[in-house]
Amino acid sequence: MARIVALLSAFVSACGALYGAEYHVTPSGTSSGTGSFSSPWDIATALGGEAGVNPGDTIWLRAGVYRGRFISRLNGTSGSPILVRAYPGERVTLDGNYSTVNTG
């Protein structure tokens, strides 16, 4: 069973390489990150459209809660969309009701 999972994982990785780059985002990522697994972006940087994400690329949201309101300026095409997905096996929560205003 482990061998099948490894083969499927390798196949998915190879397909991703054929279609576009993969970038990583974490709740603690930064705008100065590279978007790599070890140096992830924050979500605002990934969605902002200026980080170099191109049609056919995938943005992986890593586990955690992303608080705030974000505007996507990504531009894919119908034949090569930019995919924004939760990383396989990880839970992602987008909390758009987050506020830094003290109401109490």
C-alpha atoms as a PDB file:
ATOM      1  CA  MET A   1       0.000   0.000   0.000  1.00  0.00           C
ATOM      2  CA  ALA A   2       2.823   2.414   0.862  1.00  0.00           C
ATOM      3  CA  ARG A   3       4.353   1.765  -2.546  1.00  0.00           C
ATOM      4  CA  ILE A   4       1.088   2.691  -4.298  1.00  0.00           C
ATOM      5  CA  VAL A   5       0.845   5.907  -2.296  1.00  0.00           C
ATOM      6  CA  ALA A   6       4.463   6.754  -3.158  1.00  0.00           C
ATOM      7  CA  LEU A   7       3.822   6.097  -6.859  1.00  0.00           C
ATOM      8  CA  LEU A   8       0.677   8.230  -6.841  1.00  0.00           C
ATOM      9  CA  SER A   9       2.505  11.009  -5.038  1.00  0.00           C
ATOM     10  CA  ALA A  10       5.311  10.919  -7.608  1.00  0.00           C
ATOM     11  CA  PHE A  11       2.772  10.955 -10.442  1.00  0.00           C
ATOM     12  CA  VAL A  12       0.919  13.958  -8.998  1.00  0.00           C
ATOM     13  CA  SER A  13       4.204  15.810  -8.507  1.00  0.00           C
ATOM     14  CA  ALA A  14       5.262  15.064 -12.080  1.00  0.00           C
ATOM     15  CA  CYS A  15       1.914  16.281 -13.425  1.00  0.00           C
ATOM     16  CA  GLY A  16       2.238  19.458 -11.406  1.00  0.00           C
ATOM     17  CA  ALA A  17       5.667  20.070 -12.891  1.00  0.00           C
ATOM     18  CA  LEU A  18       4.214  19.694 -16.386  1.00  0.00           C
ATOM     19  CA  TYR A  19       1.476  22.236 -15.790  1.00  0.00           C
ATOM     20  CA  GLY A  20       3.104  24.918 -13.695  1.00  0.00           C
ATOM     21  CA  ALA A  21       4.968  25.955 -10.617  1.00  0.00           C
ATOM     22  CA  GLU A  22       3.815  25.247  -7.076  1.00  0.00           C
ATOM     23  CA  TYR A  23       3.918  27.818  -4.294  1.00  0.00           C
ATOM     24  CA  HIS A  24       3.311  27.508  -0.553  1.00  0.00           C
ATOM     25  CA  VAL A  25       1.465  29.837   1.802  1.00  0.00           C
ATOM     26  CA  THR A  26       1.175  29.644   5.598  1.00  0.00           C
ATOM     27  CA  PRO A  27      -0.547  31.846   8.180  1.00  0.00           C
ATOM     28  CA  SER A  28       2.941  32.816   9.423  1.00  0.00           C
ATOM     29  CA  GLY A  29       4.468  33.205   5.951  1.00  0.00           C
ATOM     30  CA  THR A  30       5.958  36.521   4.858  1.00  0.00           C
ATOM     31  CA  SER A  31       5.993  38.818   1.869  1.00  0.00           C
ATOM     32  CA  SER A  32       9.764  38.336   1.726  1.00  0.00           C
ATOM     33  CA  GLY A  33       9.427  34.560   1.402  1.00  0.00           C
ATOM     34  CA  THR A  34      10.066  32.783  -1.884  1.00  0.00           C
ATOM     35  CA  GLY A  35       6.821  30.817  -1.896  1.00  0.00           C
ATOM     36  CA  SER A  36       8.762  27.596  -1.388  1.00  0.00           C
ATOM     37  CA  PHE A  37       7.942  24.880   1.132  1.00  0.00           C
ATOM     38  CA  SER A  38      10.663  26.147   3.485  1.00  0.00           C
ATOM     39  CA  SER A  39      10.096  29.877   2.837  1.00  0.00           C
ATOM     40  CA  PRO A  40       6.349  30.342   2.337  1.00  0.00           C
ATOM     41  CA  TRP A  41       4.466  33.507   1.466  1.00  0.00           C
ATOM     42  CA  ASP A  42       1.672  35.087   3.443  1.00  0.00           C
ATOM     43  CA  ILE A  43      -1.723  34.845   1.769  1.00  0.00           C
ATOM     44  CA  ALA A  44      -1.877  38.533   0.770  1.00  0.00           C
ATOM     45  CA  THR A  45       1.399  38.200  -1.141  1.00  0.00           C
ATOM     46  CA  ALA A  46       0.272  35.024  -2.918  1.00  0.00           C
ATOM     47  CA  LEU A  47      -3.064  36.501  -3.985  1.00  0.00           C
ATOM     48  CA  GLY A  48      -1.764  39.992  -4.732  1.00  0.00           C
ATOM     49  CA  GLY A  49      -0.751  39.269  -8.305  1.00  0.00           C
ATOM     50  CA  GLU A  50       2.775  40.632  -8.075  1.00  0.00           C
ATOM     51  CA  ALA A  51       4.580  37.563  -6.713  1.00  0.00           C
ATOM     52  CA  GLY A  52       5.123  36.019 -10.142  1.00  0.00           C
ATOM     53  CA  VAL A  53       2.312  33.458 -10.099  1.00  0.00           C
ATOM     54  CA  ASN A  54       1.416  32.541 -13.680  1.00  0.00           C
ATOM     55  CA  PRO A  55      -1.418  30.713 -15.436  1.00  0.00           C
ATOM     56  CA  GLY A  56      -1.142  26.990 -14.726  1.00  0.00           C
ATOM     57  CA  ASP A  57       0.534  27.470 -11.346  1.00  0.00           C
ATOM     58  CA  THR A  58      -0.803  26.121  -8.046  1.00  0.00           C
ATOM     59  CA  ILE A  59      -0.830  27.921  -4.707  1.00  0.00           C
ATOM     60  CA  TRP A  60      -0.967  25.517  -1.767  1.00  0.00           C
ATOM     61  CA  LEU A  61      -2.525  26.905   1.400  1.00  0.00           C
ATOM     62  CA  ARG A  62      -0.930  25.103   4.328  1.00  0.00           C
ATOM     63  CA  ALA A  63      -2.775  24.210   7.543  1.00  0.00           C
ATOM     64  CA  GLY A  64      -4.041  26.966   9.773  1.00  0.00           C
ATOM     65  CA  VAL A  65      -6.386  29.905  10.090  1.00  0.00           C
ATOM     66  CA  TYR A  66      -5.996  32.839   7.707  1.00  0.00           C
ATOM     67  CA  ARG A  67      -7.560  35.896   9.311  1.00  0.00           C
ATOM     68  CA  GLY A  68      -8.449  39.010   7.380  1.00  0.00           C
ATOM     69  CA  ARG A  69     -10.022  40.074   4.138  1.00  0.00           C
ATOM     70  CA  PHE A  70      -8.032  39.401   1.025  1.00  0.00           C
ATOM     71  CA  ILE A  71      -8.390  40.499  -2.578  1.00  0.00           C
ATOM     72  CA  SER A  72      -7.173  38.217  -5.328  1.00  0.00           C
ATOM     73  CA  ARG A  73      -5.484  39.821  -8.294  1.00  0.00           C
ATOM     74  CA  LEU A  74      -4.474  36.512  -9.874  1.00  0.00           C
ATOM     75  CA  ASN A  75      -5.017  36.154 -13.610  1.00  0.00           C
ATOM     76  CA  GLY A  76      -5.152  32.673 -15.037  1.00  0.00           C
ATOM     77  CA  THR A  77      -6.785  31.637 -18.283  1.00  0.00           C
ATOM     78  CA  SER A  78      -9.625  29.258 -19.055  1.00  0.00           C
ATOM     79  CA  GLY A  79      -7.111  26.720 -20.343  1.00  0.00           C
ATOM     80  CA  SER A  80      -4.543  27.340 -17.585  1.00  0.00           C
ATOM     81  CA  PRO A  81      -6.218  28.487 -14.384  1.00  0.00           C
ATOM     82  CA  ILE A  82      -4.272  29.381 -11.275  1.00  0.00           C
ATOM     83  CA  LEU A  83      -5.315  26.885  -8.632  1.00  0.00           C
ATOM     84  CA  VAL A  84      -5.535  27.890  -4.964  1.00  0.00           C
ATOM     85  CA  ARG A  85      -6.003  24.791  -2.841  1.00  0.00           C
ATOM     86  CA  ALA A  86      -5.583  23.399   0.641  1.00  0.00           C
ATOM     87  CA  TYR A  87      -2.449  21.279   0.858  1.00  0.00           C
ATOM     88  CA  PRO A  88      -3.439  17.581   0.741  1.00  0.00           C
ATOM     89  CA  GLY A  89      -4.419  16.271   4.165  1.00  0.00           C
ATOM     90  CA  GLU A  90      -4.332  19.700   5.830  1.00  0.00           C
ATOM     91  CA  ARG A  91      -7.229  21.810   7.094  1.00  0.00           C
ATOM     92  CA  VAL A  92      -7.401  25.446   6.032  1.00  0.00           C
ATOM     93  CA  THR A  93      -9.802  28.014   7.498  1.00  0.00           C
ATOM     94  CA  LEU A  94     -10.382  31.435   5.941  1.00  0.00           C
ATOM     95  CA  ASP A  95     -11.741  33.809   8.604  1.00  0.00           C
ATOM     96  CA  GLY A  96     -12.998  36.935   6.834  1.00  0.00           C
ATOM     97  CA  ASN A  97     -14.696  38.271   9.972  1.00  0.00           C
ATOM     98  CA  TYR A  98     -11.410  38.974  11.709  1.00  0.00           C
ATOM     99  CA  SER A  99     -11.068  42.493  13.003  1.00  0.00           C
ATOM    100  CA  THR A 100      -8.277  44.285  14.820  1.00  0.00           C
ATOM    101  CA  VAL A 101     -10.712  46.889  16.108  1.00  0.00           C
ATOM    102  CA  ASN A 102     -11.377  46.660  19.843  1.00  0.00           C
ATOM    103  CA  THR A 103     -15.154  46.753  20.292  1.00  0.00           C
ATOM    104  CA  GLY A 104     -15.169  46.070  24.014  1.00  0.00           C
END
